[in-house]
Amino acid sequence: QVQLVESGGGLVQPGGSLSLSCAASGNIRSINAMGWYRRAPGKQRELVSTITIGGSTNVADSVKGRFTISSDNAKKTVYLQMNSLKPEDAAVYYCYADGLTTIWHRFPSWGQGTQVTVSS
């Protein structure tokens, strides 16, 4: 019922930048929070950053100071600006949204994932 469409990702050199976007659509009554997770090969999925509808953010220590999350509530879109990328940032990045589809049903929804490759 809820779809998350991601854009961005790709190949970048170490020290470079990428910007990810994720737009939520479908049967959405409200969104509580959106954010980004990532999973590198052989590693557990980890939280990168989240932002609530009120603007409160969480940022993983590993990306703090380099990544910035922002959102446009009217567009139901979350962004992730990634600067000073390191090889260890290479992963599949997944968009996440949490909210309500109806007054009765909550949703956790995930995007399909977008590959970020950091390599020279």
PDB file of N, CA and C in Angstrom:
ATOM      1  N   GLN A   1       0.819  -1.207   0.000  1.00  0.00           N
ATOM      2  CA  GLN A   1       0.000   0.000   0.000  1.00  0.00           C
ATOM      3  C   GLN A   1       0.853   1.258   0.000  1.00  0.00           C
ATOM      4  N   VAL A   2       2.012   1.172   0.595  1.00  0.00           N
ATOM      5  CA  VAL A   2       2.925   2.298   0.657  1.00  0.00           C
ATOM      6  C   VAL A   2       4.159   1.962  -0.161  1.00  0.00           C
ATOM      7  N   GLN A   3       4.504   2.852  -1.040  1.00  0.00           N
ATOM      8  CA  GLN A   3       5.672   2.669  -1.872  1.00  0.00           C
ATOM      9  C   GLN A   3       6.694   3.755  -1.593  1.00  0.00           C
ATOM     10  N   LEU A   4       7.938   3.355  -1.562  1.00  0.00           N
ATOM     11  CA  LEU A   4       9.037   4.283  -1.405  1.00  0.00           C
ATOM     12  C   LEU A   4       9.899   4.202  -2.648  1.00  0.00           C
ATOM     13  N   VAL A   5      10.043   5.309  -3.319  1.00  0.00           N
ATOM     14  CA  VAL A   5      10.811   5.366  -4.546  1.00  0.00           C
ATOM     15  C   VAL A   5      12.079   6.158  -4.296  1.00  0.00           C
ATOM     16  N   GLU A   6      13.192   5.491  -4.439  1.00  0.00           N
ATOM     17  CA  GLU A   6      14.481   6.097  -4.188  1.00  0.00           C
ATOM     18  C   GLU A   6      15.128   6.554  -5.485  1.00  0.00           C
ATOM     19  N   SER A   7      15.911   7.580  -5.367  1.00  0.00           N
ATOM     20  CA  SER A   7      16.717   8.037  -6.484  1.00  0.00           C
ATOM     21  C   SER A   7      18.080   8.441  -5.952  1.00  0.00           C
ATOM     22  N   GLY A   8      19.035   8.448  -6.820  1.00  0.00           N
ATOM     23  CA  GLY A   8      20.390   8.727  -6.424  1.00  0.00           C
ATOM     24  C   GLY A   8      21.177   7.437  -6.345  1.00  0.00           C
ATOM     25  N   GLY A   9      22.271   7.513  -5.656  1.00  0.00           N
ATOM     26  CA  GLY A   9      23.162   6.381  -5.605  1.00  0.00           C
ATOM     27  C   GLY A   9      24.037   6.339  -6.840  1.00  0.00           C
ATOM     28  N   GLY A  10      24.990   5.451  -6.800  1.00  0.00           N
ATOM     29  CA  GLY A  10      25.898   5.318  -7.914  1.00  0.00           C
ATOM     30  C   GLY A  10      27.324   5.161  -7.451  1.00  0.00           C
ATOM     31  N   LEU A  11      28.219   5.465  -8.346  1.00  0.00           N
ATOM     32  CA  LEU A  11      29.647   5.323  -8.095  1.00  0.00           C
ATOM     33  C   LEU A  11      30.271   6.684  -7.854  1.00  0.00           C
ATOM     34  N   VAL A  12      31.038   6.765  -6.798  1.00  0.00           N
ATOM     35  CA  VAL A  12      31.714   8.007  -6.466  1.00  0.00           C
ATOM     36  C   VAL A  12      33.094   7.687  -5.917  1.00  0.00           C
ATOM     37  N   GLN A  13      34.016   8.584  -6.126  1.00  0.00           N
ATOM     38  CA  GLN A  13      35.353   8.412  -5.588  1.00  0.00           C
ATOM     39  C   GLN A  13      35.391   8.764  -4.109  1.00  0.00           C
ATOM     40  N   PRO A  14      36.333   8.188  -3.377  1.00  0.00           N
ATOM     41  CA  PRO A  14      36.484   8.579  -1.980  1.00  0.00           C
ATOM     42  C   PRO A  14      36.640  10.086  -1.847  1.00  0.00           C
ATOM     43  N   GLY A  15      35.952  10.634  -0.873  1.00  0.00           N
ATOM     44  CA  GLY A  15      35.945  12.071  -0.677  1.00  0.00           C
ATOM     45  C   GLY A  15      34.860  12.785  -1.442  1.00  0.00           C
ATOM     46  N   GLY A  16      34.199  12.083  -2.318  1.00  0.00           N
ATOM     47  CA  GLY A  16      33.145  12.678  -3.115  1.00  0.00           C
ATOM     48  C   GLY A  16      31.825  12.729  -2.388  1.00  0.00           C
ATOM     49  N   SER A  17      30.814  13.164  -3.118  1.00  0.00           N
ATOM     50  CA  SER A  17      29.492  13.356  -2.540  1.00  0.00           C
ATOM     51  C   SER A  17      28.417  12.721  -3.401  1.00  0.00           C
ATOM     52  N   LEU A  18      27.356  12.328  -2.746  1.00  0.00           N
ATOM     53  CA  LEU A  18      26.155  11.843  -3.398  1.00  0.00           C
ATOM     54  C   LEU A  18      24.954  12.329  -2.609  1.00  0.00           C
ATOM     55  N   SER A  19      23.853  12.469  -3.302  1.00  0.00           N
ATOM     56  CA  SER A  19      22.613  12.856  -2.663  1.00  0.00           C
ATOM     57  C   SER A  19      21.529  11.840  -3.004  1.00  0.00           C
ATOM     58  N   LEU A  20      20.900  11.317  -1.987  1.00  0.00           N
ATOM     59  CA  LEU A  20      19.824  10.359  -2.157  1.00  0.00           C
ATOM     60  C   LEU A  20      18.486  11.013  -1.853  1.00  0.00           C
ATOM     61  N   SER A  21      17.471  10.581  -2.566  1.00  0.00           N
ATOM     62  CA  SER A  21      16.116  11.056  -2.331  1.00  0.00           C
ATOM     63  C   SER A  21      15.181   9.868  -2.249  1.00  0.00           C
ATOM     64  N   CYS A  22      14.130  10.024  -1.493  1.00  0.00           N
ATOM     65  CA  CYS A  22      13.138   8.973  -1.357  1.00  0.00           C
ATOM     66  C   CYS A  22      11.776   9.606  -1.169  1.00  0.00           C
ATOM     67  N   ALA A  23      10.863   9.282  -2.054  1.00  0.00           N
ATOM     68  CA  ALA A  23       9.513   9.810  -1.992  1.00  0.00           C
ATOM     69  C   ALA A  23       8.531   8.703  -1.649  1.00  0.00           C
ATOM     70  N   ALA A  24       7.700   8.962  -0.680  1.00  0.00           N
ATOM     71  CA  ALA A  24       6.682   8.009  -0.269  1.00  0.00           C
ATOM     72  C   ALA A  24       5.365   8.312  -0.957  1.00  0.00           C
ATOM     73  N   SER A  25       4.673   7.274  -1.344  1.00  0.00           N
ATOM     74  CA  SER A  25       3.373   7.437  -1.972  1.00  0.00           C
ATOM     75  C   SER A  25       2.498   6.248  -1.631  1.00  0.00           C
ATOM     76  N   GLY A  26       1.241   6.350  -1.993  1.00  0.00           N
ATOM     77  CA  GLY A  26       0.306   5.281  -1.733  1.00  0.00           C
ATOM     78  C   GLY A  26      -0.708   5.664  -0.684  1.00  0.00           C
ATOM     79  N   ASN A  27      -1.201   4.658  -0.012  1.00  0.00           N
ATOM     80  CA  ASN A  27      -2.244   4.857   0.979  1.00  0.00           C
ATOM     81  C   ASN A  27      -1.624   5.283   2.302  1.00  0.00           C
ATOM     82  N   ILE A  28      -1.346   6.550   2.393  1.00  0.00           N
ATOM     83  CA  ILE A  28      -0.680   7.099   3.571  1.00  0.00           C
ATOM     84  C   ILE A  28      -1.603   8.074   4.267  1.00  0.00           C
ATOM     85  N   ARG A  29      -1.904   7.770   5.487  1.00  0.00           N
ATOM     86  CA  ARG A  29      -2.662   8.696   6.321  1.00  0.00           C
ATOM     87  C   ARG A  29      -1.729   9.721   6.955  1.00  0.00           C
ATOM     88  N   SER A  30      -0.628   9.225   7.458  1.00  0.00           N
ATOM     89  CA  SER A  30       0.347  10.100   8.075  1.00  0.00           C
ATOM     90  C   SER A  30       1.679   9.381   8.153  1.00  0.00           C
ATOM     91  N   ILE A  31       2.723  10.154   8.225  1.00  0.00           N
ATOM     92  CA  ILE A  31       4.069   9.632   8.391  1.00  0.00           C
ATOM     93  C   ILE A  31       4.634  10.154   9.695  1.00  0.00           C
ATOM     94  N   ASN A  32       5.172   9.253  10.459  1.00  0.00           N
ATOM     95  CA  ASN A  32       5.806   9.629  11.713  1.00  0.00           C
ATOM     96  C   ASN A  32       7.288   9.940  11.528  1.00  0.00           C
ATOM     97  N   ALA A  33       7.933   9.126  10.724  1.00  0.00           N
ATOM     98  CA  ALA A  33       9.361   9.304  10.529  1.00  0.00           C
ATOM     99  C   ALA A  33       9.790   8.676   9.215  1.00  0.00           C
ATOM    100  N   MET A  34      10.868   9.178   8.683  1.00  0.00           N
ATOM    101  CA  MET A  34      11.505   8.591   7.525  1.00  0.00           C
ATOM    102  C   MET A  34      12.997   8.574   7.780  1.00  0.00           C
ATOM    103  N   GLY A  35      13.671   7.742   7.035  1.00  0.00           N
ATOM    104  CA  GLY A  35      15.101   7.691   7.233  1.00  0.00           C
ATOM    105  C   GLY A  35      15.788   6.739   6.289  1.00  0.00           C
ATOM    106  N   TRP A  36      17.023   6.485   6.621  1.00  0.00           N
ATOM    107  CA  TRP A  36      17.877   5.671   5.788  1.00  0.00           C
ATOM    108  C   TRP A  36      18.613   4.636   6.612  1.00  0.00           C
ATOM    109  N   TYR A  37      18.663   3.435   6.086  1.00  0.00           N
ATOM    110  CA  TYR A  37      19.472   2.358   6.606  1.00  0.00           C
ATOM    111  C   TYR A  37      20.405   1.891   5.498  1.00  0.00           C
ATOM    112  N   ARG A  38      21.419   1.157   5.876  1.00  0.00           N
ATOM    113  CA  ARG A  38      22.301   0.617   4.865  1.00  0.00           C
ATOM    114  C   ARG A  38      22.789  -0.761   5.282  1.00  0.00           C
ATOM    115  N   ARG A  39      23.165  -1.518   4.278  1.00  0.00           N
ATOM    116  CA  ARG A  39      23.700  -2.844   4.519  1.00  0.00           C
ATOM    117  C   ARG A  39      24.854  -3.099   3.569  1.00  0.00           C
ATOM    118  N   ALA A  40      25.998  -3.312   4.149  1.00  0.00           N
ATOM    119  CA  ALA A  40      27.182  -3.652   3.387  1.00  0.00           C
ATOM    120  C   ALA A  40      27.316  -5.165   3.331  1.00  0.00           C
ATOM    121  N   PRO A  41      27.990  -5.681   2.314  1.00  0.00           N
ATOM    122  CA  PRO A  41      28.163  -7.127   2.208  1.00  0.00           C
ATOM    123  C   PRO A  41      28.797  -7.715   3.455  1.00  0.00           C
ATOM    124  N   GLY A  42      28.188  -8.765   3.969  1.00  0.00           N
ATOM    125  CA  GLY A  42      28.711  -9.438   5.139  1.00  0.00           C
ATOM    126  C   GLY A  42      28.447  -8.743   6.450  1.00  0.00           C
ATOM    127  N   LYS A  43      27.701  -7.668   6.427  1.00  0.00           N
ATOM    128  CA  LYS A  43      27.420  -6.927   7.639  1.00  0.00           C
ATOM    129  C   LYS A  43      25.926  -6.839   7.897  1.00  0.00           C
ATOM    130  N   GLN A  44      25.601  -6.543   9.126  1.00  0.00           N
ATOM    131  CA  GLN A  44      24.211  -6.337   9.492  1.00  0.00           C
ATOM    132  C   GLN A  44      23.718  -4.989   8.976  1.00  0.00           C
ATOM    133  N   ARG A  45      22.427  -4.928   8.749  1.00  0.00           N
ATOM    134  CA  ARG A  45      21.833  -3.654   8.404  1.00  0.00           C
ATOM    135  C   ARG A  45      21.996  -2.682   9.563  1.00  0.00           C
ATOM    136  N   GLU A  46      22.335  -1.475   9.245  1.00  0.00           N
ATOM    137  CA  GLU A  46      22.524  -0.478  10.281  1.00  0.00           C
ATOM    138  C   GLU A  46      21.775   0.798   9.949  1.00  0.00           C
ATOM    139  N   LEU A  47      21.363   1.457  10.975  1.00  0.00           N
ATOM    140  CA  LEU A  47      20.698   2.739  10.817  1.00  0.00           C
ATOM    141  C   LEU A  47      21.726   3.790  10.444  1.00  0.00           C
ATOM    142  N   VAL A  48      21.371   4.593   9.463  1.00  0.00           N
ATOM    143  CA  VAL A  48      22.225   5.699   9.057  1.00  0.00           C
ATOM    144  C   VAL A  48      21.724   6.995   9.678  1.00  0.00           C
ATOM    145  N   SER A  49      20.466   7.304   9.402  1.00  0.00           N
ATOM    146  CA  SER A  49      19.891   8.529   9.930  1.00  0.00           C
ATOM    147  C   SER A  49      18.385   8.490   9.774  1.00  0.00           C
ATOM    148  N   THR A  50      17.696   9.088  10.714  1.00  0.00           N
ATOM    149  CA  THR A  50      16.249   9.203  10.644  1.00  0.00           C
ATOM    150  C   THR A  50      15.827  10.621  10.992  1.00  0.00           C
ATOM    151  N   ILE A  51      14.636  10.957  10.542  1.00  0.00           N
ATOM    152  CA  ILE A  51      14.070  12.260  10.852  1.00  0.00           C
ATOM    153  C   ILE A  51      12.576  12.089  11.072  1.00  0.00           C
ATOM    154  N   THR A  52      12.069  12.699  12.110  1.00  0.00           N
ATOM    155  CA  THR A  52      10.644  12.633  12.394  1.00  0.00           C
ATOM    156  C   THR A  52       9.921  13.766  11.699  1.00  0.00           C
ATOM    157  N   ILE A  53       8.607  13.662  11.682  1.00  0.00           N
ATOM    158  CA  ILE A  53       7.811  14.709  11.054  1.00  0.00           C
ATOM    159  C   ILE A  53       8.023  16.041  11.761  1.00  0.00           C
ATOM    160  N   GLY A  54       8.384  15.989  13.023  1.00  0.00           N
ATOM    161  CA  GLY A  54       8.663  17.200  13.767  1.00  0.00           C
ATOM    162  C   GLY A  54      10.063  17.738  13.585  1.00  0.00           C
ATOM    163  N   GLY A  55      10.898  17.000  12.865  1.00  0.00           N
ATOM    164  CA  GLY A  55      12.228  17.479  12.565  1.00  0.00           C
ATOM    165  C   GLY A  55      13.331  16.948  13.454  1.00  0.00           C
ATOM    166  N   SER A  56      13.001  16.101  14.397  1.00  0.00           N
ATOM    167  CA  SER A  56      14.039  15.509  15.235  1.00  0.00           C
ATOM    168  C   SER A  56      14.829  14.493  14.438  1.00  0.00           C
ATOM    169  N   THR A  57      16.124  14.488  14.617  1.00  0.00           N
ATOM    170  CA  THR A  57      16.983  13.606  13.831  1.00  0.00           C
ATOM    171  C   THR A  57      17.846  12.720  14.711  1.00  0.00           C
ATOM    172  N   ASN A  58      18.161  11.577  14.168  1.00  0.00           N
ATOM    173  CA  ASN A  58      19.174  10.688  14.711  1.00  0.00           C
ATOM    174  C   ASN A  58      20.183  10.429  13.602  1.00  0.00           C
ATOM    175  N   VAL A  59      21.432  10.448  13.962  1.00  0.00           N
ATOM    176  CA  VAL A  59      22.496  10.227  12.993  1.00  0.00           C
ATOM    177  C   VAL A  59      23.498   9.255  13.595  1.00  0.00           C
ATOM    178  N   ALA A  60      23.844   8.251  12.839  1.00  0.00           N
ATOM    179  CA  ALA A  60      24.828   7.292  13.309  1.00  0.00           C
ATOM    180  C   ALA A  60      26.178   7.963  13.500  1.00  0.00           C
ATOM    181  N   ASP A  61      26.891   7.532  14.526  1.00  0.00           N
ATOM    182  CA  ASP A  61      28.195   8.114  14.797  1.00  0.00           C
ATOM    183  C   ASP A  61      29.147   7.972  13.612  1.00  0.00           C
ATOM    184  N   SER A  62      29.005   6.894  12.879  1.00  0.00           N
ATOM    185  CA  SER A  62      29.916   6.630  11.779  1.00  0.00           C
ATOM    186  C   SER A  62      29.791   7.629  10.635  1.00  0.00           C
ATOM    187  N   VAL A  63      28.671   8.318  10.555  1.00  0.00           N
ATOM    188  CA  VAL A  63      28.462   9.274   9.475  1.00  0.00           C
ATOM    189  C   VAL A  63      28.241  10.685   9.977  1.00  0.00           C
ATOM    190  N   LYS A  64      28.241  10.857  11.266  1.00  0.00           N
ATOM    191  CA  LYS A  64      27.990  12.172  11.839  1.00  0.00           C
ATOM    192  C   LYS A  64      29.025  13.179  11.358  1.00  0.00           C
ATOM    193  N   GLY A  65      28.532  14.314  10.955  1.00  0.00           N
ATOM    194  CA  GLY A  65      29.401  15.345  10.430  1.00  0.00           C
ATOM    195  C   GLY A  65      29.637  15.249   8.945  1.00  0.00           C
ATOM    196  N   ARG A  66      29.273  14.129   8.352  1.00  0.00           N
ATOM    197  CA  ARG A  66      29.456  13.939   6.917  1.00  0.00           C
ATOM    198  C   ARG A  66      28.136  13.818   6.163  1.00  0.00           C
ATOM    199  N   PHE A  67      27.160  13.190   6.797  1.00  0.00           N
ATOM    200  CA  PHE A  67      25.852  12.998   6.180  1.00  0.00           C
ATOM    201  C   PHE A  67      24.840  13.929   6.835  1.00  0.00           C
ATOM    202  N   THR A  68      23.933  14.425   6.033  1.00  0.00           N
ATOM    203  CA  THR A  68      22.880  15.286   6.529  1.00  0.00           C
ATOM    204  C   THR A  68      21.538  14.804   6.009  1.00  0.00           C
ATOM    205  N   ILE A  69      20.608  14.606   6.916  1.00  0.00           N
ATOM    206  CA  ILE A  69      19.273  14.186   6.526  1.00  0.00           C
ATOM    207  C   ILE A  69      18.341  15.389   6.561  1.00  0.00           C
ATOM    208  N   SER A  70      17.421  15.414   5.639  1.00  0.00           N
ATOM    209  CA  SER A  70      16.418  16.465   5.601  1.00  0.00           C
ATOM    210  C   SER A  70      15.148  15.889   4.999  1.00  0.00           C
ATOM    211  N   SER A  71      14.066  16.622   5.116  1.00  0.00           N
ATOM    212  CA  SER A  71      12.804  16.121   4.599  1.00  0.00           C
ATOM    213  C   SER A  71      11.906  17.253   4.160  1.00  0.00           C
ATOM    214  N   ASP A  72      10.984  16.905   3.319  1.00  0.00           N
ATOM    215  CA  ASP A  72       9.931  17.807   2.883  1.00  0.00           C
ATOM    216  C   ASP A  72       8.632  17.081   3.187  1.00  0.00           C
ATOM    217  N   ASN A  73       8.000  17.462   4.255  1.00  0.00           N
ATOM    218  CA  ASN A  73       6.807  16.745   4.693  1.00  0.00           C
ATOM    219  C   ASN A  73       5.670  16.826   3.677  1.00  0.00           C
ATOM    220  N   ALA A  74       5.533  17.966   3.032  1.00  0.00           N
ATOM    221  CA  ALA A  74       4.471  18.124   2.054  1.00  0.00           C
ATOM    222  C   ALA A  74       4.653  17.168   0.886  1.00  0.00           C
ATOM    223  N   LYS A  75       5.895  16.930   0.508  1.00  0.00           N
ATOM    224  CA  LYS A  75       6.194  16.022  -0.589  1.00  0.00           C
ATOM    225  C   LYS A  75       6.406  14.591  -0.129  1.00  0.00           C
ATOM    226  N   LYS A  76       6.353  14.375   1.165  1.00  0.00           N
ATOM    227  CA  LYS A  76       6.600  13.041   1.732  1.00  0.00           C
ATOM    228  C   LYS A  76       7.929  12.499   1.219  1.00  0.00           C
ATOM    229  N   THR A  77       8.917  13.320   1.290  1.00  0.00           N
ATOM    230  CA  THR A  77      10.213  12.991   0.734  1.00  0.00           C
ATOM    231  C   THR A  77      11.311  13.211   1.767  1.00  0.00           C
ATOM    232  N   VAL A  78      12.244  12.296   1.784  1.00  0.00           N
ATOM    233  CA  VAL A  78      13.401  12.411   2.651  1.00  0.00           C
ATOM    234  C   VAL A  78      14.653  12.407   1.789  1.00  0.00           C
ATOM    235  N   TYR A  79      15.641  13.148   2.235  1.00  0.00           N
ATOM    236  CA  TYR A  79      16.882  13.282   1.495  1.00  0.00           C
ATOM    237  C   TYR A  79      18.055  12.898   2.388  1.00  0.00           C
ATOM    238  N   LEU A  80      19.099  12.468   1.757  1.00  0.00           N
ATOM    239  CA  LEU A  80      20.335  12.199   2.464  1.00  0.00           C
ATOM    240  C   LEU A  80      21.485  12.752   1.645  1.00  0.00           C
ATOM    241  N   GLN A  81      22.079  13.798   2.152  1.00  0.00           N
ATOM    242  CA  GLN A  81      23.252  14.376   1.523  1.00  0.00           C
ATOM    243  C   GLN A  81      24.482  13.726   2.132  1.00  0.00           C
ATOM    244  N   MET A  82      25.266  13.079   1.310  1.00  0.00           N
ATOM    245  CA  MET A  82      26.428  12.345   1.765  1.00  0.00           C
ATOM    246  C   MET A  82      27.683  13.017   1.234  1.00  0.00           C
ATOM    247  N   ASN A  83      28.481  13.509   2.134  1.00  0.00           N
ATOM    248  CA  ASN A  83      29.727  14.165   1.781  1.00  0.00           C
ATOM    249  C   ASN A  83      30.904  13.392   2.353  1.00  0.00           C
ATOM    250  N   SER A  84      32.065  13.670   1.821  1.00  0.00           N
ATOM    251  CA  SER A  84      33.296  13.041   2.294  1.00  0.00           C
ATOM    252  C   SER A  84      33.154  11.529   2.384  1.00  0.00           C
ATOM    253  N   LEU A  85      32.660  10.952   1.335  1.00  0.00           N
ATOM    254  CA  LEU A  85      32.383   9.524   1.339  1.00  0.00           C
ATOM    255  C   LEU A  85      33.662   8.705   1.464  1.00  0.00           C
ATOM    256  N   LYS A  86      33.546   7.644   2.222  1.00  0.00           N
ATOM    257  CA  LYS A  86      34.644   6.730   2.468  1.00  0.00           C
ATOM    258  C   LYS A  86      34.314   5.367   1.872  1.00  0.00           C
ATOM    259  N   PRO A  87      35.329   4.568   1.590  1.00  0.00           N
ATOM    260  CA  PRO A  87      35.058   3.226   1.078  1.00  0.00           C
ATOM    261  C   PRO A  87      34.133   2.417   1.980  1.00  0.00           C
ATOM    262  N   GLU A  88      34.224   2.606   3.274  1.00  0.00           N
ATOM    263  CA  GLU A  88      33.373   1.873   4.191  1.00  0.00           C
ATOM    264  C   GLU A  88      31.922   2.318   4.152  1.00  0.00           C
ATOM    265  N   ASP A  89      31.637   3.404   3.447  1.00  0.00           N
ATOM    266  CA  ASP A  89      30.258   3.824   3.251  1.00  0.00           C
ATOM    267  C   ASP A  89      29.571   3.050   2.140  1.00  0.00           C
ATOM    268  N   ALA A  90      30.326   2.318   1.374  1.00  0.00           N
ATOM    269  CA  ALA A  90      29.749   1.549   0.277  1.00  0.00           C
ATOM    270  C   ALA A  90      28.766   0.526   0.823  1.00  0.00           C
ATOM    271  N   ALA A  91      27.570   0.559   0.307  1.00  0.00           N
ATOM    272  CA  ALA A  91      26.511  -0.319   0.791  1.00  0.00           C
ATOM    273  C   ALA A  91      25.275  -0.102  -0.060  1.00  0.00           C
ATOM    274  N   VAL A  92      24.299  -0.943   0.167  1.00  0.00           N
ATOM    275  CA  VAL A  92      22.977  -0.690  -0.366  1.00  0.00           C
ATOM    276  C   VAL A  92      22.228   0.140   0.660  1.00  0.00           C
ATOM    277  N   TYR A  93      21.737   1.265   0.233  1.00  0.00           N
ATOM    278  CA  TYR A  93      21.031   2.176   1.121  1.00  0.00           C
ATOM    279  C   TYR A  93      19.529   2.017   0.921  1.00  0.00           C
ATOM    280  N   TYR A  94      18.835   1.839   2.026  1.00  0.00           N
ATOM    281  CA  TYR A  94      17.402   1.600   2.000  1.00  0.00           C
ATOM    282  C   TYR A  94      16.656   2.749   2.661  1.00  0.00           C
ATOM    283  N   CYS A  95      15.665   3.216   1.981  1.00  0.00           N
ATOM    284  CA  CYS A  95      14.782   4.218   2.548  1.00  0.00           C
ATOM    285  C   CYS A  95      13.753   3.539   3.437  1.00  0.00           C
ATOM    286  N   TYR A  96      13.399   4.208   4.500  1.00  0.00           N
ATOM    287  CA  TYR A  96      12.445   3.680   5.471  1.00  0.00           C
ATOM    288  C   TYR A  96      11.413   4.739   5.817  1.00  0.00           C
ATOM    289  N   ALA A  97      10.194   4.299   5.997  1.00  0.00           N
ATOM    290  CA  ALA A  97       9.146   5.197   6.448  1.00  0.00           C
ATOM    291  C   ALA A  97       8.258   4.473   7.437  1.00  0.00           C
ATOM    292  N   ASP A  98       7.790   5.209   8.395  1.00  0.00           N
ATOM    293  CA  ASP A  98       6.908   4.680   9.425  1.00  0.00           C
ATOM    294  C   ASP A  98       5.738   5.628   9.591  1.00  0.00           C
ATOM    295  N   GLY A  99       4.555   5.058   9.670  1.00  0.00           N
ATOM    296  CA  GLY A  99       3.382   5.899   9.847  1.00  0.00           C
ATOM    297  C   GLY A  99       2.116   5.084   9.889  1.00  0.00           C
ATOM    298  N   LEU A 100       1.053   5.701   9.418  1.00  0.00           N
ATOM    299  CA  LEU A 100      -0.262   5.074   9.411  1.00  0.00           C
ATOM    300  C   LEU A 100      -0.836   5.076   8.006  1.00  0.00           C
ATOM    301  N   THR A 101      -1.363   3.946   7.581  1.00  0.00           N
ATOM    302  CA  THR A 101      -2.121   3.902   6.340  1.00  0.00           C
ATOM    303  C   THR A 101      -3.574   4.276   6.584  1.00  0.00           C
ATOM    304  N   THR A 102      -4.104   3.856   7.693  1.00  0.00           N
ATOM    305  CA  THR A 102      -5.429   4.235   8.149  1.00  0.00           C
ATOM    306  C   THR A 102      -5.351   4.469   9.647  1.00  0.00           C
ATOM    307  N   ILE A 103      -6.466   4.851  10.216  1.00  0.00           N
ATOM    308  CA  ILE A 103      -6.494   5.040  11.656  1.00  0.00           C
ATOM    309  C   ILE A 103      -6.233   3.729  12.389  1.00  0.00           C
ATOM    310  N   TRP A 104      -6.416   2.630  11.671  1.00  0.00           N
ATOM    311  CA  TRP A 104      -6.283   1.314  12.279  1.00  0.00           C
ATOM    312  C   TRP A 104      -4.954   0.621  12.036  1.00  0.00           C
ATOM    313  N   HIS A 105      -4.232   1.060  11.026  1.00  0.00           N
ATOM    314  CA  HIS A 105      -3.075   0.291  10.609  1.00  0.00           C
ATOM    315  C   HIS A 105      -1.810   1.133  10.501  1.00  0.00           C
ATOM    316  N   ARG A 106      -0.783   0.664  11.146  1.00  0.00           N
ATOM    317  CA  ARG A 106       0.534   1.245  11.026  1.00  0.00           C
ATOM    318  C   ARG A 106       1.284   0.583   9.873  1.00  0.00           C
ATOM    319  N   PHE A 107       2.230   1.282   9.345  1.00  0.00           N
ATOM    320  CA  PHE A 107       3.087   0.679   8.333  1.00  0.00           C
ATOM    321  C   PHE A 107       4.549   0.974   8.615  1.00  0.00           C
ATOM    322  N   PRO A 108       5.378  -0.042   8.451  1.00  0.00           N
ATOM    323  CA  PRO A 108       6.786   0.179   8.197  1.00  0.00           C
ATOM    324  C   PRO A 108       7.037  -0.184   6.745  1.00  0.00           C
ATOM    325  N   SER A 109       7.561   0.725   5.984  1.00  0.00           N
ATOM    326  CA  SER A 109       7.769   0.501   4.566  1.00  0.00           C
ATOM    327  C   SER A 109       9.224   0.726   4.209  1.00  0.00           C
ATOM    328  N   TRP A 110       9.678  -0.071   3.290  1.00  0.00           N
ATOM    329  CA  TRP A 110      11.067  -0.027   2.858  1.00  0.00           C
ATOM    330  C   TRP A 110      11.161   0.186   1.363  1.00  0.00           C
ATOM    331  N   GLY A 111      12.147   0.946   0.962  1.00  0.00           N
ATOM    332  CA  GLY A 111      12.439   1.093  -0.441  1.00  0.00           C
ATOM    333  C   GLY A 111      13.169  -0.118  -0.970  1.00  0.00           C
ATOM    334  N   GLN A 112      13.363  -0.145  -2.271  1.00  0.00           N
ATOM    335  CA  GLN A 112      14.023  -1.272  -2.902  1.00  0.00           C
ATOM    336  C   GLN A 112      15.524  -1.279  -2.672  1.00  0.00           C
ATOM    337  N   GLY A 113      16.060  -0.165  -2.283  1.00  0.00           N
ATOM    338  CA  GLY A 113      17.485  -0.045  -2.061  1.00  0.00           C
ATOM    339  C   GLY A 113      18.192   0.540  -3.257  1.00  0.00           C
ATOM    340  N   THR A 114      19.199   1.321  -2.981  1.00  0.00           N
ATOM    341  CA  THR A 114      20.012   1.894  -4.035  1.00  0.00           C
ATOM    342  C   THR A 114      21.479   1.701  -3.676  1.00  0.00           C
ATOM    343  N   GLN A 115      22.245   1.289  -4.649  1.00  0.00           N
ATOM    344  CA  GLN A 115      23.641   0.959  -4.418  1.00  0.00           C
ATOM    345  C   GLN A 115      24.504   2.205  -4.412  1.00  0.00           C
ATOM    346  N   VAL A 116      25.295   2.313  -3.379  1.00  0.00           N
ATOM    347  CA  VAL A 116      26.306   3.351  -3.298  1.00  0.00           C
ATOM    348  C   VAL A 116      27.666   2.669  -3.302  1.00  0.00           C
ATOM    349  N   THR A 117      28.454   2.989  -4.290  1.00  0.00           N
ATOM    350  CA  THR A 117      29.785   2.423  -4.410  1.00  0.00           C
ATOM    351  C   THR A 117      30.807   3.538  -4.282  1.00  0.00           C
ATOM    352  N   VAL A 118      31.748   3.349  -3.403  1.00  0.00           N
ATOM    353  CA  VAL A 118      32.805   4.335  -3.177  1.00  0.00           C
ATOM    354  C   VAL A 118      34.125   3.672  -3.542  1.00  0.00           C
ATOM    355  N   SER A 119      34.666   4.074  -4.647  1.00  0.00           N
ATOM    356  CA  SER A 119      35.869   3.437  -5.146  1.00  0.00           C
ATOM    357  C   SER A 119      36.596   4.370  -6.096  1.00  0.00           C
ATOM    358  N   SER A 120      37.897   4.246  -6.104  1.00  0.00           N
ATOM    359  CA  SER A 120      38.709   4.992  -7.053  1.00  0.00           C
ATOM    360  C   SER A 120      39.022   4.158  -8.290  1.00  0.00           C
TER     361      SER A 120
END
